[in-house]
Full PDB file with SEQRES, HELIX, SHEET, SSBOND, CRYST1, ORIGX, SCALE, CONECT and MASTER records, all heavy atoms in Angstrom:
SEQRES   1 A   41  ARG CYS LEU GLY CYS GLU GLN ILE THR ALA VAL THR ASP          
SEQRES   2 A   41  ASP LEU SER VAL GLU SER VAL CYS GLU TYR CYS ASN SER          
SEQRES   3 A   41  THR ALA GLN LEU ARG PRO HIS ILE VAL TRP PHE GLY GLU          
SEQRES   4 A   41  MET PRO                                                      
CRYST1    1.000    1.000    1.000  90.00  90.00  90.00 P 1           1          
ORIGX1      1.000000  0.000000  0.000000        0.00000                         
ORIGX2      0.000000  1.000000  0.000000        0.00000                         
ORIGX3      0.000000  0.000000  1.000000        0.00000                         
SCALE1      1.000000  0.000000  0.000000        0.00000                         
SCALE2      0.000000  1.000000  0.000000        0.00000                         
SCALE3      0.000000  0.000000  1.000000        0.00000                         
ATOM      1  N   ARG A   1       1.414   0.227   2.293  1.00  0.00           N  
ATOM      2  CA  ARG A   1       2.634   0.076   1.511  1.00  0.00           C  
ATOM      3  C   ARG A   1       2.284   0.054   0.036  1.00  0.00           C  
ATOM      4  O   ARG A   1       1.312  -0.590  -0.370  1.00  0.00           O  
ATOM      5  CB  ARG A   1       3.361  -1.204   1.903  1.00  0.00           C  
ATOM      6  CG  ARG A   1       4.691  -1.394   1.179  1.00  0.00           C  
ATOM      7  CD  ARG A   1       5.524  -2.473   1.813  1.00  0.00           C  
ATOM      8  NE  ARG A   1       5.168  -3.826   1.382  1.00  0.00           N  
ATOM      9  CZ  ARG A   1       4.655  -4.746   2.164  1.00  0.00           C  
ATOM     10  NH1 ARG A   1       4.379  -4.475   3.437  1.00  0.00           N  
ATOM     11  NH2 ARG A   1       4.375  -5.949   1.711  1.00  0.00           N  
ATOM     12  N   CYS A   2       3.080   0.748  -0.763  1.00  0.00           N  
ATOM     13  CA  CYS A   2       2.860   0.770  -2.209  1.00  0.00           C  
ATOM     14  C   CYS A   2       3.682  -0.342  -2.852  1.00  0.00           C  
ATOM     15  O   CYS A   2       4.895  -0.421  -2.655  1.00  0.00           O  
ATOM     16  CB  CYS A   2       3.255   2.122  -2.794  1.00  0.00           C  
ATOM     17  SG  CYS A   2       3.045   2.222  -4.593  1.00  0.00           S  
ATOM     18  N   LEU A   3       3.038  -1.179  -3.613  1.00  0.00           N  
ATOM     19  CA  LEU A   3       3.734  -2.263  -4.311  1.00  0.00           C  
ATOM     20  C   LEU A   3       4.568  -1.727  -5.465  1.00  0.00           C  
ATOM     21  O   LEU A   3       5.467  -2.404  -5.956  1.00  0.00           O  
ATOM     22  CB  LEU A   3       2.722  -3.283  -4.833  1.00  0.00           C  
ATOM     23  CG  LEU A   3       1.932  -4.037  -3.754  1.00  0.00           C  
ATOM     24  CD1 LEU A   3       0.836  -4.881  -4.396  1.00  0.00           C  
ATOM     25  CD2 LEU A   3       2.850  -4.894  -2.915  1.00  0.00           C  
ATOM     26  N   GLY A   4       4.276  -0.505  -5.880  1.00  0.00           N  
ATOM     27  CA  GLY A   4       5.019   0.089  -6.989  1.00  0.00           C  
ATOM     28  C   GLY A   4       6.339   0.694  -6.559  1.00  0.00           C  
ATOM     29  O   GLY A   4       7.394   0.364  -7.109  1.00  0.00           O  
ATOM     30  N   CYS A   5       6.293   1.563  -5.544  1.00  0.00           N  
ATOM     31  CA  CYS A   5       7.509   2.280  -5.131  1.00  0.00           C  
ATOM     32  C   CYS A   5       8.009   1.855  -3.754  1.00  0.00           C  
ATOM     33  O   CYS A   5       9.048   2.346  -3.298  1.00  0.00           O  
ATOM     34  CB  CYS A   5       7.280   3.786  -5.174  1.00  0.00           C  
ATOM     35  SG  CYS A   5       6.064   4.389  -3.975  1.00  0.00           S  
ATOM     36  N   GLU A   6       7.284   0.962  -3.075  1.00  0.00           N  
ATOM     37  CA  GLU A   6       7.677   0.405  -1.777  1.00  0.00           C  
ATOM     38  C   GLU A   6       7.642   1.416  -0.637  1.00  0.00           C  
ATOM     39  O   GLU A   6       8.145   1.128   0.459  1.00  0.00           O  
ATOM     40  CB  GLU A   6       9.079  -0.226  -1.845  1.00  0.00           C  
ATOM     41  CG  GLU A   6       9.148  -1.472  -2.714  1.00  0.00           C  
ATOM     42  CD  GLU A   6       8.271  -2.607  -2.181  1.00  0.00           C  
ATOM     43  OE1 GLU A   6       8.192  -2.783  -0.962  1.00  0.00           O  
ATOM     44  OE2 GLU A   6       7.665  -3.307  -3.005  1.00  0.00           O  
ATOM     45  N   GLN A   7       7.060   2.583  -0.849  1.00  0.00           N  
ATOM     46  CA  GLN A   7       6.940   3.558   0.236  1.00  0.00           C  
ATOM     47  C   GLN A   7       5.912   3.081   1.267  1.00  0.00           C  
ATOM     48  O   GLN A   7       4.849   2.571   0.913  1.00  0.00           O  
ATOM     49  CB  GLN A   7       6.523   4.929  -0.313  1.00  0.00           C  
ATOM     50  CG  GLN A   7       7.615   5.660  -1.076  1.00  0.00           C  
ATOM     51  CD  GLN A   7       8.727   6.167  -0.160  1.00  0.00           C  
ATOM     52  OE1 GLN A   7       8.528   6.366   1.029  1.00  0.00           O  
ATOM     53  NE2 GLN A   7       9.906   6.379  -0.737  1.00  0.00           N  
ATOM     54  N   ILE A   8       6.247   3.272   2.532  1.00  0.00           N  
ATOM     55  CA  ILE A   8       5.358   2.920   3.641  1.00  0.00           C  
ATOM     56  C   ILE A   8       4.917   4.207   4.322  1.00  0.00           C  
ATOM     57  O   ILE A   8       5.751   5.016   4.733  1.00  0.00           O  
ATOM     58  CB  ILE A   8       6.074   2.004   4.652  1.00  0.00           C  
ATOM     59  CG1 ILE A   8       6.513   0.710   3.963  1.00  0.00           C  
ATOM     60  CG2 ILE A   8       5.176   1.711   5.843  1.00  0.00           C  
ATOM     61  CD1 ILE A   8       7.456  -0.133   4.809  1.00  0.00           C  
ATOM     62  N   THR A   9       3.615   4.406   4.421  1.00  0.00           N  
ATOM     63  CA  THR A   9       3.084   5.648   4.965  1.00  0.00           C  
ATOM     64  C   THR A   9       1.913   5.358   5.897  1.00  0.00           C  
ATOM     65  O   THR A   9       1.320   4.283   5.867  1.00  0.00           O  
ATOM     66  CB  THR A   9       2.606   6.593   3.844  1.00  0.00           C  
ATOM     67  OG1 THR A   9       1.730   5.868   2.966  1.00  0.00           O  
ATOM     68  CG2 THR A   9       3.777   7.132   3.034  1.00  0.00           C  
ATOM     69  N   ALA A  10       1.582   6.343   6.715  1.00  0.00           N  
ATOM     70  CA  ALA A  10       0.476   6.202   7.657  1.00  0.00           C  
ATOM     71  C   ALA A  10      -0.857   6.227   6.918  1.00  0.00           C  
ATOM     72  O   ALA A  10      -1.002   6.858   5.863  1.00  0.00           O  
ATOM     73  CB  ALA A  10       0.521   7.338   8.675  1.00  0.00           C  
ATOM     74  N   VAL A  11      -1.840   5.524   7.487  1.00  0.00           N  
ATOM     75  CA  VAL A  11      -3.187   5.533   6.919  1.00  0.00           C  
ATOM     76  C   VAL A  11      -4.211   5.398   8.041  1.00  0.00           C  
ATOM     77  O   VAL A  11      -4.050   4.572   8.943  1.00  0.00           O  
ATOM     78  CB  VAL A  11      -3.377   4.406   5.873  1.00  0.00           C  
ATOM     79  CG1 VAL A  11      -3.172   3.032   6.501  1.00  0.00           C  
ATOM     80  CG2 VAL A  11      -4.749   4.498   5.226  1.00  0.00           C  
ATOM     81  N   THR A  12      -5.210   6.240   8.001  1.00  0.00           N  
ATOM     82  CA  THR A  12      -6.328   6.149   8.941  1.00  0.00           C  
ATOM     83  C   THR A  12      -7.656   6.020   8.212  1.00  0.00           C  
ATOM     84  O   THR A  12      -8.646   5.595   8.795  1.00  0.00           O  
ATOM     85  CB  THR A  12      -6.383   7.374   9.877  1.00  0.00           C  
ATOM     86  OG1 THR A  12      -6.411   8.570   9.086  1.00  0.00           O  
ATOM     87  CG2 THR A  12      -5.166   7.409  10.800  1.00  0.00           C  
ATOM     88  N   ASP A  13      -7.685   6.396   6.934  1.00  0.00           N  
ATOM     89  CA  ASP A  13      -8.902   6.288   6.134  1.00  0.00           C  
ATOM     90  C   ASP A  13      -8.980   4.918   5.466  1.00  0.00           C  
ATOM     91  O   ASP A  13      -8.039   4.125   5.513  1.00  0.00           O  
ATOM     92  CB  ASP A  13      -8.934   7.383   5.060  1.00  0.00           C  
ATOM     93  CG  ASP A  13      -8.976   8.781   5.658  1.00  0.00           C  
ATOM     94  OD1 ASP A  13      -9.599   8.930   6.737  1.00  0.00           O  
ATOM     95  OD2 ASP A  13      -8.383   9.697   5.075  1.00  0.00           O  
ATOM     96  N   ASP A  14     -10.096   4.663   4.800  1.00  0.00           N  
ATOM     97  CA  ASP A  14     -10.259   3.411   4.065  1.00  0.00           C  
ATOM     98  C   ASP A  14      -9.337   3.372   2.847  1.00  0.00           C  
ATOM     99  O   ASP A  14      -9.033   4.409   2.247  1.00  0.00           O  
ATOM    100  CB  ASP A  14     -11.704   3.269   3.579  1.00  0.00           C  
ATOM    101  CG  ASP A  14     -12.671   2.948   4.711  1.00  0.00           C  
ATOM    102  OD1 ASP A  14     -12.202   2.751   5.855  1.00  0.00           O  
ATOM    103  OD2 ASP A  14     -13.883   2.904   4.452  1.00  0.00           O  
ATOM    104  N   LEU A  15      -8.900   2.180   2.484  1.00  0.00           N  
ATOM    105  CA  LEU A  15      -8.154   1.955   1.252  1.00  0.00           C  
ATOM    106  C   LEU A  15      -9.041   1.202   0.270  1.00  0.00           C  
ATOM    107  O   LEU A  15      -9.948   0.470   0.663  1.00  0.00           O  
ATOM    108  CB  LEU A  15      -6.893   1.125   1.519  1.00  0.00           C  
ATOM    109  CG  LEU A  15      -5.765   1.780   2.313  1.00  0.00           C  
ATOM    110  CD1 LEU A  15      -4.653   0.768   2.573  1.00  0.00           C  
ATOM    111  CD2 LEU A  15      -5.231   2.999   1.591  1.00  0.00           C  
ATOM    112  N   SER A  16      -8.763   1.379  -1.021  1.00  0.00           N  
ATOM    113  CA  SER A  16      -9.487   0.651  -2.066  1.00  0.00           C  
ATOM    114  C   SER A  16      -8.572   0.496  -3.264  1.00  0.00           C  
ATOM    115  O   SER A  16      -7.446   1.024  -3.283  1.00  0.00           O  
ATOM    116  CB  SER A  16     -10.757   1.413  -2.474  1.00  0.00           C  
ATOM    117  OG  SER A  16     -10.436   2.558  -3.252  1.00  0.00           O  
ATOM    118  N   VAL A  17      -9.038  -0.211  -4.275  1.00  0.00           N  
ATOM    119  CA  VAL A  17      -8.233  -0.373  -5.492  1.00  0.00           C  
ATOM    120  C   VAL A  17      -8.084   0.952  -6.220  1.00  0.00           C  
ATOM    121  O   VAL A  17      -7.200   1.092  -7.079  1.00  0.00           O  
ATOM    122  CB  VAL A  17      -8.861  -1.435  -6.422  1.00  0.00           C  
ATOM    123  CG1 VAL A  17      -8.741  -2.819  -5.814  1.00  0.00           C  
ATOM    124  CG2 VAL A  17     -10.318  -1.098  -6.738  1.00  0.00           C  
ATOM    125  N   GLU A  18      -8.925   1.926  -5.898  1.00  0.00           N  
ATOM    126  CA  GLU A  18      -8.814   3.248  -6.527  1.00  0.00           C  
ATOM    127  C   GLU A  18      -7.881   4.195  -5.781  1.00  0.00           C  
ATOM    128  O   GLU A  18      -7.586   5.289  -6.267  1.00  0.00           O  
ATOM    129  CB  GLU A  18     -10.204   3.902  -6.632  1.00  0.00           C  
ATOM    130  CG  GLU A  18     -11.109   3.333  -7.714  1.00  0.00           C  
ATOM    131  CD  GLU A  18     -11.807   2.063  -7.238  1.00  0.00           C  
ATOM    132  OE1 GLU A  18     -12.082   1.954  -6.017  1.00  0.00           O  
ATOM    133  OE2 GLU A  18     -12.060   1.176  -8.073  1.00  0.00           O  
ATOM    134  N   SER A  19      -7.413   3.797  -4.603  1.00  0.00           N  
ATOM    135  CA  SER A  19      -6.538   4.667  -3.816  1.00  0.00           C  
ATOM    136  C   SER A  19      -5.248   4.956  -4.571  1.00  0.00           C  
ATOM    137  O   SER A  19      -4.683   4.074  -5.224  1.00  0.00           O  
ATOM    138  CB  SER A  19      -6.206   4.009  -2.476  1.00  0.00           C  
ATOM    139  OG  SER A  19      -7.368   3.836  -1.690  1.00  0.00           O  
ATOM    140  N   VAL A  20      -4.794   6.196  -4.477  1.00  0.00           N  
ATOM    141  CA  VAL A  20      -3.620   6.656  -5.221  1.00  0.00           C  
ATOM    142  C   VAL A  20      -2.433   6.821  -4.276  1.00  0.00           C  
ATOM    143  O   VAL A  20      -2.550   7.412  -3.207  1.00  0.00           O  
ATOM    144  CB  VAL A  20      -3.901   8.000  -5.924  1.00  0.00           C  
ATOM    145  CG1 VAL A  20      -2.658   8.491  -6.682  1.00  0.00           C  
ATOM    146  CG2 VAL A  20      -5.088   7.867  -6.874  1.00  0.00           C  
ATOM    147  N   CYS A  21      -1.288   6.300  -4.682  1.00  0.00           N  
ATOM    148  CA  CYS A  21      -0.060   6.475  -3.903  1.00  0.00           C  
ATOM    149  C   CYS A  21       0.405   7.918  -4.014  1.00  0.00           C  
ATOM    150  O   CYS A  21       0.575   8.433  -5.129  1.00  0.00           O  
ATOM    151  CB  CYS A  21       1.029   5.532  -4.412  1.00  0.00           C  
ATOM    152  SG  CYS A  21       2.641   5.791  -3.613  1.00  0.00           S  
ATOM    153  N   GLU A  22       0.624   8.578  -2.901  1.00  0.00           N  
ATOM    154  CA  GLU A  22       1.035   9.979  -2.924  1.00  0.00           C  
ATOM    155  C   GLU A  22       2.472  10.173  -3.380  1.00  0.00           C  
ATOM    156  O   GLU A  22       2.898  11.300  -3.633  1.00  0.00           O  
ATOM    157  CB  GLU A  22       0.834  10.633  -1.559  1.00  0.00           C  
ATOM    158  CG  GLU A  22       1.563   9.984  -0.405  1.00  0.00           C  
ATOM    159  CD  GLU A  22       0.677   9.039   0.400  1.00  0.00           C  
ATOM    160  OE1 GLU A  22       0.027   8.172  -0.198  1.00  0.00           O  
ATOM    161  OE2 GLU A  22       0.666   9.173   1.638  1.00  0.00           O  
ATOM    162  N   TYR A  23       3.233   9.065  -3.504  1.00  0.00           N  
ATOM    163  CA  TYR A  23       4.617   9.175  -3.941  1.00  0.00           C  
ATOM    164  C   TYR A  23       4.779   8.931  -5.441  1.00  0.00           C  
ATOM    165  O   TYR A  23       5.473   9.677  -6.129  1.00  0.00           O  
ATOM    166  CB  TYR A  23       5.509   8.206  -3.155  1.00  0.00           C  
ATOM    167  CG  TYR A  23       5.811   8.694  -1.762  1.00  0.00           C  
ATOM    168  CD1 TYR A  23       4.975   8.385  -0.701  1.00  0.00           C  
ATOM    169  CD2 TYR A  23       6.924   9.490  -1.503  1.00  0.00           C  
ATOM    170  CE1 TYR A  23       5.241   8.839   0.580  1.00  0.00           C  
ATOM    171  CE2 TYR A  23       7.208   9.947  -0.220  1.00  0.00           C  
ATOM    172  CZ  TYR A  23       6.354   9.620   0.805  1.00  0.00           C  
ATOM    173  OH  TYR A  23       6.615  10.080   2.070  1.00  0.00           O  
ATOM    174  N   CYS A  24       4.175   7.854  -5.959  1.00  0.00           N  
ATOM    175  CA  CYS A  24       4.372   7.527  -7.373  1.00  0.00           C  
ATOM    176  C   CYS A  24       3.102   7.709  -8.206  1.00  0.00           C  
ATOM    177  O   CYS A  24       3.118   7.457  -9.420  1.00  0.00           O  
ATOM    178  CB  CYS A  24       4.913   6.114  -7.528  1.00  0.00           C  
ATOM    179  SG  CYS A  24       3.769   4.814  -7.000  1.00  0.00           S  
ATOM    180  N   ASN A  25       2.013   8.121  -7.553  1.00  0.00           N  
ATOM    181  CA  ASN A  25       0.740   8.415  -8.228  1.00  0.00           C  
ATOM    182  C   ASN A  25       0.104   7.207  -8.918  1.00  0.00           C  
ATOM    183  O   ASN A  25      -0.780   7.376  -9.767  1.00  0.00           O  
ATOM    184  CB  ASN A  25       0.917   9.553  -9.255  1.00  0.00           C  
ATOM    185  CG  ASN A  25       1.256  10.869  -8.594  1.00  0.00           C  
ATOM    186  OD1 ASN A  25       0.659  11.229  -7.588  1.00  0.00           O  
ATOM    187  ND2 ASN A  25       2.240  11.575  -9.145  1.00  0.00           N  
ATOM    188  N   SER A  26       0.538   6.011  -8.556  1.00  0.00           N  
ATOM    189  CA  SER A  26      -0.069   4.829  -9.158  1.00  0.00           C  
ATOM    190  C   SER A  26      -1.358   4.466  -8.413  1.00  0.00           C  
ATOM    191  O   SER A  26      -1.552   4.815  -7.252  1.00  0.00           O  
ATOM    192  CB  SER A  26       0.900   3.649  -9.122  1.00  0.00           C  
ATOM    193  OG  SER A  26       1.234   3.327  -7.771  1.00  0.00           O  
ATOM    194  N   THR A  27      -2.245   3.742  -9.104  1.00  0.00           N  
ATOM    195  CA  THR A  27      -3.455   3.238  -8.474  1.00  0.00           C  
ATOM    196  C   THR A  27      -3.391   1.708  -8.439  1.00  0.00           C  
ATOM    197  O   THR A  27      -2.583   1.093  -9.131  1.00  0.00           O  
ATOM    198  CB  THR A  27      -4.707   3.676  -9.244  1.00  0.00           C  
ATOM    199  OG1 THR A  27      -4.600   3.234 -10.601  1.00  0.00           O  
ATOM    200  CG2 THR A  27      -4.872   5.184  -9.209  1.00  0.00           C  
ATOM    201  N   ALA A  28      -4.246   1.125  -7.616  1.00  0.00           N  
ATOM    202  CA  ALA A  28      -4.329  -0.338  -7.467  1.00  0.00           C  
ATOM    203  C   ALA A  28      -3.007  -0.946  -7.003  1.00  0.00           C  
ATOM    204  O   ALA A  28      -2.750  -2.129  -7.235  1.00  0.00           O  
ATOM    205  CB  ALA A  28      -4.778  -0.987  -8.771  1.00  0.00           C  
ATOM    206  N   GLN A  29      -2.162  -0.142  -6.342  1.00  0.00           N  
ATOM    207  CA  GLN A  29      -0.863  -0.627  -5.867  1.00  0.00           C  
ATOM    208  C   GLN A  29      -0.729  -0.579  -4.348  1.00  0.00           C  
ATOM    209  O   GLN A  29       0.221  -1.127  -3.797  1.00  0.00           O  
ATOM    210  CB  GLN A  29       0.273   0.197  -6.497  1.00  0.00           C  
ATOM    211  CG  GLN A  29       0.434   0.019  -8.002  1.00  0.00           C  
ATOM    212  CD  GLN A  29       0.928  -1.369  -8.347  1.00  0.00           C  
ATOM    213  OE1 GLN A  29       1.943  -1.832  -7.842  1.00  0.00           O  
ATOM    214  NE2 GLN A  29       0.196  -2.067  -9.199  1.00  0.00           N  
ATOM    215  N   LEU A  30      -1.663   0.057  -3.680  1.00  0.00           N  
ATOM    216  CA  LEU A  30      -1.567   0.193  -2.234  1.00  0.00           C  
ATOM    217  C   LEU A  30      -2.174  -1.026  -1.534  1.00  0.00           C  
ATOM    218  O   LEU A  30      -3.234  -1.516  -1.922  1.00  0.00           O  
ATOM    219  CB  LEU A  30      -2.290   1.460  -1.772  1.00  0.00           C  
ATOM    220  CG  LEU A  30      -1.642   2.782  -2.179  1.00  0.00           C  
ATOM    221  CD1 LEU A  30      -2.510   3.944  -1.760  1.00  0.00           C  
ATOM    222  CD2 LEU A  30      -0.243   2.922  -1.576  1.00  0.00           C  
ATOM    223  N   ARG A  31      -1.490  -1.503  -0.505  1.00  0.00           N  
ATOM    224  CA  ARG A  31      -1.964  -2.637   0.275  1.00  0.00           C  
ATOM    225  C   ARG A  31      -1.735  -2.340   1.755  1.00  0.00           C  
ATOM    226  O   ARG A  31      -0.889  -1.500   2.098  1.00  0.00           O  
ATOM    227  CB  ARG A  31      -1.241  -3.923  -0.099  1.00  0.00           C  
ATOM    228  CG  ARG A  31       0.269  -3.861   0.049  1.00  0.00           C  
ATOM    229  CD  ARG A  31       0.916  -5.234   0.075  1.00  0.00           C  
ATOM    230  NE  ARG A  31       0.824  -5.855   1.408  1.00  0.00           N  
ATOM    231  CZ  ARG A  31       1.333  -7.039   1.717  1.00  0.00           C  
ATOM    232  NH1 ARG A  31       1.972  -7.747   0.799  1.00  0.00           N  
ATOM    233  NH2 ARG A  31       1.221  -7.537   2.926  1.00  0.00           N  
ATOM    234  N   PRO A  32      -2.458  -3.006   2.630  1.00  0.00           N  
ATOM    235  CA  PRO A  32      -2.169  -2.841   4.061  1.00  0.00           C  
ATOM    236  C   PRO A  32      -0.732  -3.283   4.359  1.00  0.00           C  
ATOM    237  O   PRO A  32      -0.237  -4.240   3.770  1.00  0.00           O  
ATOM    238  CB  PRO A  32      -3.186  -3.774   4.735  1.00  0.00           C  
ATOM    239  CG  PRO A  32      -4.270  -3.964   3.721  1.00  0.00           C  
ATOM    240  CD  PRO A  32      -3.595  -3.919   2.393  1.00  0.00           C  
ATOM    241  N   HIS A  33      -0.080  -2.572   5.273  1.00  0.00           N  
ATOM    242  CA  HIS A  33       1.294  -2.930   5.661  1.00  0.00           C  
ATOM    243  C   HIS A  33       1.236  -4.028   6.718  1.00  0.00           C  
ATOM    244  O   HIS A  33       1.585  -3.851   7.882  1.00  0.00           O  
ATOM    245  CB  HIS A  33       2.028  -1.703   6.189  1.00  0.00           C  
ATOM    246  CG  HIS A  33       3.474  -1.955   6.501  1.00  0.00           C  
ATOM    247  ND1 HIS A  33       4.319  -2.599   5.632  1.00  0.00           N  
ATOM    248  CD2 HIS A  33       4.229  -1.657   7.599  1.00  0.00           C  
ATOM    249  CE1 HIS A  33       5.526  -2.688   6.169  1.00  0.00           C  
ATOM    250  NE2 HIS A  33       5.487  -2.130   7.362  1.00  0.00           N  
ATOM    251  N   ILE A  34       0.752  -5.184   6.286  1.00  0.00           N  
ATOM    252  CA  ILE A  34       0.541  -6.337   7.142  1.00  0.00           C  
ATOM    253  C   ILE A  34       1.337  -7.512   6.584  1.00  0.00           C  
ATOM    254  O   ILE A  34       1.376  -7.717   5.369  1.00  0.00           O  
ATOM    255  CB  ILE A  34      -0.957  -6.734   7.194  1.00  0.00           C  
ATOM    256  CG1 ILE A  34      -1.829  -5.545   7.606  1.00  0.00           C  
ATOM    257  CG2 ILE A  34      -1.161  -7.922   8.129  1.00  0.00           C  
ATOM    258  CD1 ILE A  34      -1.578  -5.033   8.989  1.00  0.00           C  
ATOM    259  N   VAL A  35       1.972  -8.265   7.467  1.00  0.00           N  
ATOM    260  CA  VAL A  35       2.661  -9.480   7.047  1.00  0.00           C  
ATOM    261  C   VAL A  35       1.644 -10.596   6.946  1.00  0.00           C  
ATOM    262  O   VAL A  35       1.036 -10.988   7.946  1.00  0.00           O  
ATOM    263  CB  VAL A  35       3.776  -9.863   8.039  1.00  0.00           C  
ATOM    264  CG1 VAL A  35       4.417 -11.195   7.638  1.00  0.00           C  
ATOM    265  CG2 VAL A  35       4.833  -8.766   8.095  1.00  0.00           C  
ATOM    266  N   TRP A  36       1.432 -11.084   5.733  1.00  0.00           N  
ATOM    267  CA  TRP A  36       0.458 -12.147   5.499  1.00  0.00           C  
ATOM    268  C   TRP A  36       1.142 -13.512   5.520  1.00  0.00           C  
ATOM    269  O   TRP A  36       2.373 -13.614   5.497  1.00  0.00           O  
ATOM    270  CB  TRP A  36      -0.232 -11.913   4.153  1.00  0.00           C  
ATOM    271  CG  TRP A  36      -1.183 -10.753   4.163  1.00  0.00           C  
ATOM    272  CD1 TRP A  36      -1.951 -10.329   5.205  1.00  0.00           C  
ATOM    273  CD2 TRP A  36      -1.468  -9.860   3.073  1.00  0.00           C  
ATOM    274  NE1 TRP A  36      -2.704  -9.238   4.826  1.00  0.00           N  
ATOM    275  CE2 TRP A  36      -2.430  -8.933   3.528  1.00  0.00           C  
ATOM    276  CE3 TRP A  36      -1.019  -9.769   1.749  1.00  0.00           C  
ATOM    277  CZ2 TRP A  36      -2.945  -7.928   2.714  1.00  0.00           C  
ATOM    278  CZ3 TRP A  36      -1.528  -8.769   0.940  1.00  0.00           C  
ATOM    279  CH2 TRP A  36      -2.477  -7.854   1.415  1.00  0.00           C  
ATOM    280  N   PHE A  37       0.338 -14.561   5.541  1.00  0.00           N  
ATOM    281  CA  PHE A  37       0.877 -15.919   5.507  1.00  0.00           C  
ATOM    282  C   PHE A  37       1.705 -16.106   4.234  1.00  0.00           C  
ATOM    283  O   PHE A  37       1.291 -15.722   3.147  1.00  0.00           O  
ATOM    284  CB  PHE A  37      -0.260 -16.943   5.569  1.00  0.00           C  
ATOM    285  CG  PHE A  37      -0.868 -17.055   6.935  1.00  0.00           C  
ATOM    286  CD1 PHE A  37      -1.987 -16.320   7.278  1.00  0.00           C  
ATOM    287  CD2 PHE A  37      -0.292 -17.879   7.896  1.00  0.00           C  
ATOM    288  CE1 PHE A  37      -2.551 -16.406   8.547  1.00  0.00           C  
ATOM    289  CE2 PHE A  37      -0.835 -17.974   9.172  1.00  0.00           C  
ATOM    290  CZ  PHE A  37      -1.966 -17.234   9.495  1.00  0.00           C  
ATOM    291  N   GLY A  38       2.893 -16.680   4.417  1.00  0.00           N  
ATOM    292  CA  GLY A  38       3.799 -16.869   3.301  1.00  0.00           C  
ATOM    293  C   GLY A  38       4.800 -15.747   3.140  1.00  0.00           C  
ATOM    294  O   GLY A  38       5.702 -15.847   2.309  1.00  0.00           O  
ATOM    295  N   GLU A  39       4.658 -14.673   3.955  1.00  0.00           N  
ATOM    296  CA  GLU A  39       5.585 -13.545   3.886  1.00  0.00           C  
ATOM    297  C   GLU A  39       6.499 -13.539   5.115  1.00  0.00           C  
ATOM    298  O   GLU A  39       6.150 -14.045   6.172  1.00  0.00           O  
ATOM    299  CB  GLU A  39       4.809 -12.230   3.790  1.00  0.00           C  
ATOM    300  CG  GLU A  39       3.977 -12.107   2.528  1.00  0.00           C  
ATOM    301  CD  GLU A  39       3.227 -10.795   2.426  1.00  0.00           C  
ATOM    302  OE1 GLU A  39       2.810 -10.255   3.472  1.00  0.00           O  
ATOM    303  OE2 GLU A  39       3.044 -10.313   1.301  1.00  0.00           O  
ATOM    304  N   MET A  40       7.665 -12.931   4.955  1.00  0.00           N  
ATOM    305  CA  MET A  40       8.653 -12.897   6.030  1.00  0.00           C  
ATOM    306  C   MET A  40       8.309 -11.814   7.052  1.00  0.00           C  
ATOM    307  O   MET A  40       8.063 -10.674   6.673  1.00  0.00           O  
ATOM    308  CB  MET A  40      10.049 -12.616   5.442  1.00  0.00           C  
ATOM    309  CG  MET A  40      11.152 -12.558   6.484  1.00  0.00           C  
ATOM    310  SD  MET A  40      11.439 -14.155   7.294  1.00  0.00           S  
ATOM    311  CE  MET A  40      12.091 -15.108   5.915  1.00  0.00           C  
ATOM    312  N   PRO A  41       8.284 -12.154   8.345  1.00  0.00           N  
ATOM    313  CA  PRO A  41       8.076 -11.131   9.376  1.00  0.00           C  
ATOM    314  C   PRO A  41       9.130 -10.034   9.287  1.00  0.00           C  
ATOM    315  O   PRO A  41      10.229 -10.252   8.763  1.00  0.00           O  
ATOM    316  CB  PRO A  41       8.199 -11.919  10.681  1.00  0.00           C  
ATOM    317  CG  PRO A  41       7.789 -13.308  10.304  1.00  0.00           C  
ATOM    318  CD  PRO A  41       8.332 -13.511   8.911  1.00  0.00           C  
TER     319      PRO A  41                                                      
MASTER        0    0    0    0    0    0    0    6  318    1    0    4          
END                                                                             
């Protein structure tokens, strides 16, 4: 999931802070689409 544009897309490769969002072209904005502690299911 991109924290910048909120797009959710499939991923099979590794992610890093250098990964680029294919929708908004931002970097350091992609995170695993996982519900973490403190977040709403």
